[in-house]
Every structure is written in structure tokens, then in C-alpha cells.
Amino acid sequence: MAMAGELEKRDGRGMTANAWRTSLRCLAQPATLFSIGLLLLNDHVLKIVAPSWFTGKLSDFAGLFFFPFLLAAVLSLLLAPARRPSPVAVGRIAFAVTGAWFALAKATPAGHALTVGVVSAVLGYPVSI
């Protein structure tokens, strides 16, 4: 396994590029792609055809499975100018933020309202979570 200095010497981009590539590799894994497809199928078909508590839990599971990897990719880009974070550090931050945000969104009205506002702003249309 290459040390941080060796990686930086080899590709000139350092740990940030490594964190970016690692997060993209995680997003491209079959299980992650399956969870994204499951989330889309569930939210756009199953919840309409057969709404139940199960479809809600299915969305939660699928989102919690892939979102940390997506967040890790974004964080690796945002943290690039300031520091050269390791893939492990970026992953830990992404999983911690995902878990905390999910807990707040599910457990508090303010967290839920914030989540609906952020997701609506990112997607460009109102959502119901």
C-alpha cells in the first residue's frame, strides 16, 4: 500500500485525488448501484402503487447505503483546497454526517423541515420526505 507521500509523488494530486477516486469506486460498486436503483424504483413506483411502512423503510435503507459515498465524493472536492484529507478521514466524516442528519431528519420537526428545504433546493422542485 502506498504511503501518502509516495502517492503524491506518483500522481501529483495527492490524497485529495485518492479520496475522490475511492469515493467514486465505492459509488460504482454493484451493491451501491443496486441501492440507487432500488431507491428510484421505490420512490417513483412502489410508493405510488403500494404505499406502506415497508416502502418508507426501503427508501431509508437504500438512501443510507449509498449517500455516505456520494457525500464523501463531494467532501473530497470541498476539502481539497484547504487540506489533503485521507480517504479514511473523508469516509468517517461522510458516514458521521449522514447518520447524524438522518437521525435529526427523522427525530425532530426542525431537522425534517431543514432536510425537505435542502433536498427541494438541490433538486429544484418541492419534495415530500
N, C-alpha and C. Protein backbone atom coordinates (compact mmCIF):
# COMPACT_ATOMS: atom_id res chain seq x y z
N MET A 1 0.85 -1.18 0.00
CA MET A 1 0.00 0.00 0.00
C MET A 1 0.89 1.24 0.00
N ALA A 2 0.57 2.21 -0.81
CA ALA A 2 1.38 3.42 -0.95
C ALA A 2 1.13 4.36 0.22
N MET A 3 2.18 4.97 0.68
CA MET A 3 2.07 5.98 1.72
C MET A 3 1.63 7.29 1.07
N ALA A 4 1.15 8.23 1.87
CA ALA A 4 0.64 9.49 1.34
C ALA A 4 1.67 10.22 0.51
N GLY A 5 2.89 10.29 0.96
CA GLY A 5 3.94 10.99 0.22
C GLY A 5 4.25 10.32 -1.10
N GLU A 6 4.24 8.98 -1.11
CA GLU A 6 4.50 8.24 -2.34
C GLU A 6 3.41 8.48 -3.36
N LEU A 7 2.15 8.50 -2.90
CA LEU A 7 1.04 8.75 -3.80
C LEU A 7 1.15 10.14 -4.41
N GLU A 8 1.48 11.11 -3.58
CA GLU A 8 1.59 12.48 -4.06
C GLU A 8 2.71 12.59 -5.10
N LYS A 9 3.82 11.91 -4.88
CA LYS A 9 4.92 11.96 -5.83
C LYS A 9 4.54 11.29 -7.14
N ARG A 10 3.76 10.20 -7.06
CA ARG A 10 3.41 9.45 -8.27
C ARG A 10 2.45 10.20 -9.17
N ASP A 11 1.36 10.73 -8.60
CA ASP A 11 0.35 11.32 -9.48
C ASP A 11 0.25 12.83 -9.38
N GLY A 12 0.97 13.46 -8.48
CA GLY A 12 0.97 14.91 -8.39
C GLY A 12 -0.29 15.51 -7.80
N ARG A 13 -1.29 14.68 -7.52
CA ARG A 13 -2.55 15.21 -7.00
C ARG A 13 -2.73 14.93 -5.52
N GLY A 14 -2.02 14.02 -4.98
CA GLY A 14 -2.03 13.75 -3.55
C GLY A 14 -3.26 13.03 -3.05
N MET A 15 -3.49 13.17 -1.75
CA MET A 15 -4.53 12.42 -1.07
C MET A 15 -5.93 12.84 -1.50
N THR A 16 -6.10 14.10 -1.92
CA THR A 16 -7.43 14.52 -2.33
C THR A 16 -7.90 13.70 -3.52
N ALA A 17 -7.02 13.51 -4.49
CA ALA A 17 -7.38 12.70 -5.64
C ALA A 17 -7.66 11.27 -5.20
N ASN A 18 -6.92 10.77 -4.23
CA ASN A 18 -7.13 9.42 -3.73
C ASN A 18 -8.50 9.32 -3.06
N ALA A 19 -8.88 10.30 -2.26
CA ALA A 19 -10.19 10.30 -1.60
C ALA A 19 -11.30 10.37 -2.65
N TRP A 20 -11.11 11.18 -3.67
CA TRP A 20 -12.08 11.31 -4.75
C TRP A 20 -12.24 9.98 -5.49
N ARG A 21 -11.12 9.37 -5.86
CA ARG A 21 -11.18 8.10 -6.58
C ARG A 21 -11.79 7.00 -5.72
N THR A 22 -11.46 6.99 -4.45
CA THR A 22 -12.01 5.98 -3.55
C THR A 22 -13.53 6.12 -3.44
N SER A 23 -14.01 7.33 -3.30
CA SER A 23 -15.46 7.54 -3.19
C SER A 23 -16.16 7.16 -4.49
N LEU A 24 -15.54 7.46 -5.63
CA LEU A 24 -16.15 7.08 -6.91
C LEU A 24 -16.16 5.56 -7.10
N ARG A 25 -15.09 4.90 -6.64
CA ARG A 25 -15.07 3.43 -6.71
C ARG A 25 -16.19 2.84 -5.85
N CYS A 26 -16.41 3.42 -4.69
CA CYS A 26 -17.49 2.94 -3.82
C CYS A 26 -18.85 3.15 -4.47
N LEU A 27 -19.03 4.30 -5.11
CA LEU A 27 -20.30 4.58 -5.80
C LEU A 27 -20.53 3.64 -6.98
N ALA A 28 -19.47 3.15 -7.58
CA ALA A 28 -19.59 2.29 -8.76
C ALA A 28 -19.74 0.81 -8.42
N GLN A 29 -19.71 0.45 -7.15
CA GLN A 29 -19.86 -0.95 -6.76
C GLN A 29 -21.28 -1.43 -7.05
N PRO A 30 -21.45 -2.69 -7.42
CA PRO A 30 -22.78 -3.22 -7.74
C PRO A 30 -23.80 -3.02 -6.61
N ALA A 31 -23.40 -3.22 -5.37
CA ALA A 31 -24.35 -3.06 -4.27
C ALA A 31 -24.82 -1.61 -4.15
N THR A 32 -23.91 -0.67 -4.38
CA THR A 32 -24.27 0.74 -4.31
C THR A 32 -25.20 1.11 -5.46
N LEU A 33 -24.86 0.66 -6.66
CA LEU A 33 -25.72 0.93 -7.82
C LEU A 33 -27.10 0.29 -7.64
N PHE A 34 -27.13 -0.90 -7.05
CA PHE A 34 -28.41 -1.55 -6.75
C PHE A 34 -29.23 -0.70 -5.78
N SER A 35 -28.58 -0.16 -4.75
CA SER A 35 -29.32 0.64 -3.76
C SER A 35 -29.86 1.93 -4.39
N ILE A 36 -29.11 2.52 -5.31
CA ILE A 36 -29.60 3.73 -6.00
C ILE A 36 -30.80 3.37 -6.86
N GLY A 37 -30.70 2.27 -7.61
CA GLY A 37 -31.83 1.81 -8.42
C GLY A 37 -33.04 1.47 -7.57
N LEU A 38 -32.81 0.82 -6.45
CA LEU A 38 -33.88 0.48 -5.54
C LEU A 38 -34.57 1.73 -5.00
N LEU A 39 -33.79 2.72 -4.64
CA LEU A 39 -34.37 3.98 -4.14
C LEU A 39 -35.24 4.63 -5.21
N LEU A 40 -34.73 4.70 -6.44
CA LEU A 40 -35.51 5.31 -7.53
C LEU A 40 -36.78 4.52 -7.81
N LEU A 41 -36.66 3.21 -7.90
CA LEU A 41 -37.83 2.36 -8.13
C LEU A 41 -38.84 2.51 -7.00
N ASN A 42 -38.36 2.47 -5.80
CA ASN A 42 -39.24 2.56 -4.64
C ASN A 42 -39.96 3.90 -4.58
N ASP A 43 -39.20 5.00 -4.75
CA ASP A 43 -39.80 6.33 -4.61
C ASP A 43 -40.71 6.71 -5.77
N HIS A 44 -40.43 6.19 -6.97
CA HIS A 44 -41.21 6.60 -8.14
C HIS A 44 -42.25 5.58 -8.59
N VAL A 45 -42.19 4.36 -8.08
CA VAL A 45 -43.16 3.35 -8.48
C VAL A 45 -43.83 2.71 -7.26
N LEU A 46 -43.03 2.06 -6.42
CA LEU A 46 -43.62 1.27 -5.33
C LEU A 46 -44.42 2.11 -4.34
N LYS A 47 -43.95 3.30 -4.01
CA LYS A 47 -44.69 4.13 -3.06
C LYS A 47 -46.03 4.59 -3.63
N ILE A 48 -46.13 4.65 -4.95
CA ILE A 48 -47.38 5.05 -5.61
C ILE A 48 -48.31 3.86 -5.74
N VAL A 49 -47.77 2.73 -6.17
CA VAL A 49 -48.56 1.52 -6.41
C VAL A 49 -48.99 0.86 -5.10
N ALA A 50 -48.07 0.75 -4.15
CA ALA A 50 -48.37 0.04 -2.91
C ALA A 50 -47.74 0.76 -1.72
N PRO A 51 -48.25 1.93 -1.36
CA PRO A 51 -47.66 2.65 -0.23
C PRO A 51 -47.87 1.90 1.09
N SER A 52 -46.80 1.82 1.87
CA SER A 52 -46.88 1.16 3.17
C SER A 52 -45.68 1.57 4.00
N TRP A 53 -45.62 1.10 5.23
CA TRP A 53 -44.47 1.38 6.08
C TRP A 53 -43.21 0.77 5.47
N PHE A 54 -43.38 -0.35 4.76
CA PHE A 54 -42.23 -1.05 4.17
C PHE A 54 -41.54 -0.20 3.10
N THR A 55 -42.32 0.48 2.27
CA THR A 55 -41.71 1.31 1.23
C THR A 55 -40.94 2.48 1.86
N GLY A 56 -41.42 2.97 2.99
CA GLY A 56 -40.69 4.02 3.69
C GLY A 56 -39.36 3.51 4.23
N LYS A 57 -39.37 2.35 4.81
CA LYS A 57 -38.13 1.76 5.34
C LYS A 57 -37.17 1.38 4.22
N LEU A 58 -37.71 0.95 3.10
CA LEU A 58 -36.88 0.60 1.96
C LEU A 58 -36.12 1.83 1.45
N SER A 59 -36.79 2.96 1.40
CA SER A 59 -36.13 4.21 1.00
C SER A 59 -35.05 4.59 2.00
N ASP A 60 -35.36 4.47 3.27
CA ASP A 60 -34.37 4.79 4.30
C ASP A 60 -33.12 3.93 4.14
N PHE A 61 -33.32 2.63 3.98
CA PHE A 61 -32.19 1.71 3.85
C PHE A 61 -31.35 2.03 2.61
N ALA A 62 -32.02 2.18 1.48
CA ALA A 62 -31.30 2.43 0.22
C ALA A 62 -30.54 3.76 0.29
N GLY A 63 -31.17 4.78 0.83
CA GLY A 63 -30.50 6.08 0.94
C GLY A 63 -29.32 6.04 1.89
N LEU A 64 -29.50 5.38 3.03
CA LEU A 64 -28.39 5.28 3.98
C LEU A 64 -27.25 4.43 3.44
N PHE A 65 -27.54 3.56 2.51
CA PHE A 65 -26.49 2.72 1.94
C PHE A 65 -25.58 3.51 1.01
N PHE A 66 -26.15 4.31 0.11
CA PHE A 66 -25.30 4.97 -0.88
C PHE A 66 -24.94 6.41 -0.56
N PHE A 67 -25.74 7.10 0.25
CA PHE A 67 -25.49 8.53 0.45
C PHE A 67 -24.12 8.84 1.06
N PRO A 68 -23.60 8.06 2.00
CA PRO A 68 -22.26 8.39 2.51
C PRO A 68 -21.19 8.40 1.43
N PHE A 69 -21.31 7.55 0.43
CA PHE A 69 -20.34 7.53 -0.66
C PHE A 69 -20.46 8.77 -1.53
N LEU A 70 -21.70 9.18 -1.78
CA LEU A 70 -21.92 10.41 -2.55
C LEU A 70 -21.40 11.62 -1.78
N LEU A 71 -21.69 11.66 -0.49
CA LEU A 71 -21.20 12.76 0.34
C LEU A 71 -19.68 12.75 0.43
N ALA A 72 -19.07 11.59 0.48
CA ALA A 72 -17.61 11.50 0.51
C ALA A 72 -17.01 12.09 -0.76
N ALA A 73 -17.64 11.85 -1.91
CA ALA A 73 -17.15 12.42 -3.17
C ALA A 73 -17.22 13.95 -3.12
N VAL A 74 -18.33 14.48 -2.63
CA VAL A 74 -18.48 15.94 -2.53
C VAL A 74 -17.47 16.51 -1.53
N LEU A 75 -17.34 15.86 -0.39
CA LEU A 75 -16.40 16.35 0.63
C LEU A 75 -14.96 16.31 0.13
N SER A 76 -14.60 15.31 -0.63
CA SER A 76 -13.23 15.23 -1.12
C SER A 76 -12.92 16.39 -2.06
N LEU A 77 -13.93 16.90 -2.74
CA LEU A 77 -13.74 18.07 -3.60
C LEU A 77 -13.73 19.37 -2.78
N LEU A 78 -14.63 19.45 -1.81
CA LEU A 78 -14.72 20.67 -1.00
C LEU A 78 -13.53 20.86 -0.08
N LEU A 79 -12.98 19.77 0.43
CA LEU A 79 -11.86 19.85 1.35
C LEU A 79 -10.52 19.97 0.63
N ALA A 80 -10.52 19.81 -0.68
CA ALA A 80 -9.27 19.80 -1.45
C ALA A 80 -8.44 21.06 -1.28
N PRO A 81 -8.99 22.26 -1.42
CA PRO A 81 -8.13 23.44 -1.33
C PRO A 81 -7.54 23.65 0.07
N ALA A 82 -8.30 23.32 1.08
CA ALA A 82 -7.86 23.59 2.45
C ALA A 82 -6.85 22.57 2.95
N ARG A 83 -7.12 21.29 2.70
CA ARG A 83 -6.27 20.21 3.22
C ARG A 83 -6.26 19.07 2.23
N ARG A 84 -5.45 18.12 2.48
CA ARG A 84 -5.43 16.90 1.67
C ARG A 84 -5.92 15.76 2.56
N PRO A 85 -7.24 15.61 2.65
CA PRO A 85 -7.78 14.60 3.56
C PRO A 85 -7.54 13.17 3.04
N SER A 86 -7.34 12.27 3.97
CA SER A 86 -7.19 10.87 3.58
C SER A 86 -8.56 10.29 3.26
N PRO A 87 -8.63 9.26 2.45
CA PRO A 87 -9.92 8.61 2.17
C PRO A 87 -10.61 8.13 3.44
N VAL A 88 -9.84 7.66 4.40
CA VAL A 88 -10.43 7.18 5.66
C VAL A 88 -11.08 8.34 6.41
N ALA A 89 -10.40 9.47 6.48
CA ALA A 89 -10.97 10.63 7.18
C ALA A 89 -12.23 11.13 6.48
N VAL A 90 -12.18 11.21 5.16
CA VAL A 90 -13.35 11.65 4.40
C VAL A 90 -14.51 10.68 4.61
N GLY A 91 -14.22 9.38 4.59
CA GLY A 91 -15.26 8.38 4.82
C GLY A 91 -15.88 8.49 6.20
N ARG A 92 -15.05 8.67 7.19
CA ARG A 92 -15.57 8.81 8.57
C ARG A 92 -16.47 10.02 8.70
N ILE A 93 -16.04 11.13 8.12
CA ILE A 93 -16.86 12.35 8.17
C ILE A 93 -18.17 12.12 7.44
N ALA A 94 -18.11 11.51 6.26
CA ALA A 94 -19.32 11.29 5.46
C ALA A 94 -20.32 10.38 6.18
N PHE A 95 -19.83 9.30 6.77
CA PHE A 95 -20.73 8.39 7.49
C PHE A 95 -21.30 9.06 8.75
N ALA A 96 -20.49 9.83 9.46
CA ALA A 96 -20.97 10.51 10.66
C ALA A 96 -22.02 11.56 10.32
N VAL A 97 -21.76 12.36 9.30
CA VAL A 97 -22.72 13.39 8.89
C VAL A 97 -24.02 12.75 8.40
N THR A 98 -23.90 11.70 7.61
CA THR A 98 -25.10 11.01 7.11
C THR A 98 -25.94 10.47 8.27
N GLY A 99 -25.30 9.80 9.21
CA GLY A 99 -26.04 9.25 10.35
C GLY A 99 -26.68 10.33 11.21
N ALA A 100 -25.94 11.38 11.49
CA ALA A 100 -26.48 12.47 12.31
C ALA A 100 -27.63 13.19 11.61
N TRP A 101 -27.45 13.45 10.32
CA TRP A 101 -28.50 14.14 9.56
C TRP A 101 -29.76 13.27 9.49
N PHE A 102 -29.58 11.99 9.24
CA PHE A 102 -30.73 11.08 9.18
C PHE A 102 -31.47 11.06 10.51
N ALA A 103 -30.73 10.97 11.60
CA ALA A 103 -31.35 10.95 12.92
C ALA A 103 -32.13 12.24 13.19
N LEU A 104 -31.52 13.38 12.85
CA LEU A 104 -32.21 14.67 13.05
C LEU A 104 -33.44 14.79 12.15
N ALA A 105 -33.32 14.35 10.92
CA ALA A 105 -34.44 14.45 9.98
C ALA A 105 -35.62 13.57 10.41
N LYS A 106 -35.32 12.44 11.00
CA LYS A 106 -36.37 11.52 11.42
C LYS A 106 -36.92 11.81 12.81
N ALA A 107 -36.10 12.43 13.67
CA ALA A 107 -36.47 12.58 15.08
C ALA A 107 -36.97 13.97 15.46
N THR A 108 -36.67 14.98 14.65
CA THR A 108 -37.06 16.33 15.04
C THR A 108 -37.79 17.04 13.90
N PRO A 109 -38.81 17.83 14.23
CA PRO A 109 -39.51 18.59 13.19
C PRO A 109 -38.58 19.59 12.47
N ALA A 110 -37.70 20.22 13.22
CA ALA A 110 -36.78 21.18 12.60
C ALA A 110 -35.82 20.48 11.63
N GLY A 111 -35.32 19.33 12.03
CA GLY A 111 -34.45 18.55 11.15
C GLY A 111 -35.17 18.09 9.90
N HIS A 112 -36.42 17.70 10.06
CA HIS A 112 -37.22 17.29 8.91
C HIS A 112 -37.45 18.46 7.96
N ALA A 113 -37.82 19.61 8.52
CA ALA A 113 -38.06 20.79 7.69
C ALA A 113 -36.80 21.23 6.96
N LEU A 114 -35.67 21.18 7.65
CA LEU A 114 -34.40 21.53 7.02
C LEU A 114 -34.07 20.57 5.88
N THR A 115 -34.28 19.30 6.11
CA THR A 115 -34.00 18.29 5.08
C THR A 115 -34.88 18.50 3.85
N VAL A 116 -36.17 18.72 4.07
CA VAL A 116 -37.09 18.97 2.95
C VAL A 116 -36.65 20.22 2.18
N GLY A 117 -36.26 21.27 2.90
CA GLY A 117 -35.81 22.50 2.24
C GLY A 117 -34.55 22.30 1.43
N VAL A 118 -33.58 21.60 1.99
CA VAL A 118 -32.31 21.36 1.28
C VAL A 118 -32.52 20.48 0.06
N VAL A 119 -33.25 19.39 0.22
CA VAL A 119 -33.47 18.47 -0.90
C VAL A 119 -34.28 19.17 -2.00
N SER A 120 -35.29 19.94 -1.62
CA SER A 120 -36.08 20.68 -2.61
C SER A 120 -35.22 21.69 -3.37
N ALA A 121 -34.33 22.37 -2.65
CA ALA A 121 -33.45 23.35 -3.30
C ALA A 121 -32.46 22.66 -4.24
N VAL A 122 -31.91 21.54 -3.82
CA VAL A 122 -30.94 20.83 -4.67
C VAL A 122 -31.61 20.27 -5.92
N LEU A 123 -32.80 19.68 -5.76
CA LEU A 123 -33.49 19.07 -6.91
C LEU A 123 -34.23 20.09 -7.77
N GLY A 124 -34.57 21.23 -7.20
CA GLY A 124 -35.25 22.26 -7.97
C GLY A 124 -36.76 22.13 -8.01
N TYR A 125 -37.31 21.23 -7.22
CA TYR A 125 -38.76 21.09 -7.12
C TYR A 125 -39.11 20.61 -5.72
N PRO A 126 -40.34 20.91 -5.27
CA PRO A 126 -40.72 20.51 -3.90
C PRO A 126 -40.78 19.00 -3.74
N VAL A 127 -40.30 18.53 -2.59
CA VAL A 127 -40.32 17.11 -2.29
C VAL A 127 -41.08 16.86 -1.00
N SER A 128 -41.52 15.64 -0.84
CA SER A 128 -42.15 15.21 0.40
C SER A 128 -41.34 14.05 0.93
N ILE A 129 -40.81 14.22 2.12
CA ILE A 129 -39.97 13.17 2.71
C ILE A 129 -40.68 12.59 3.91
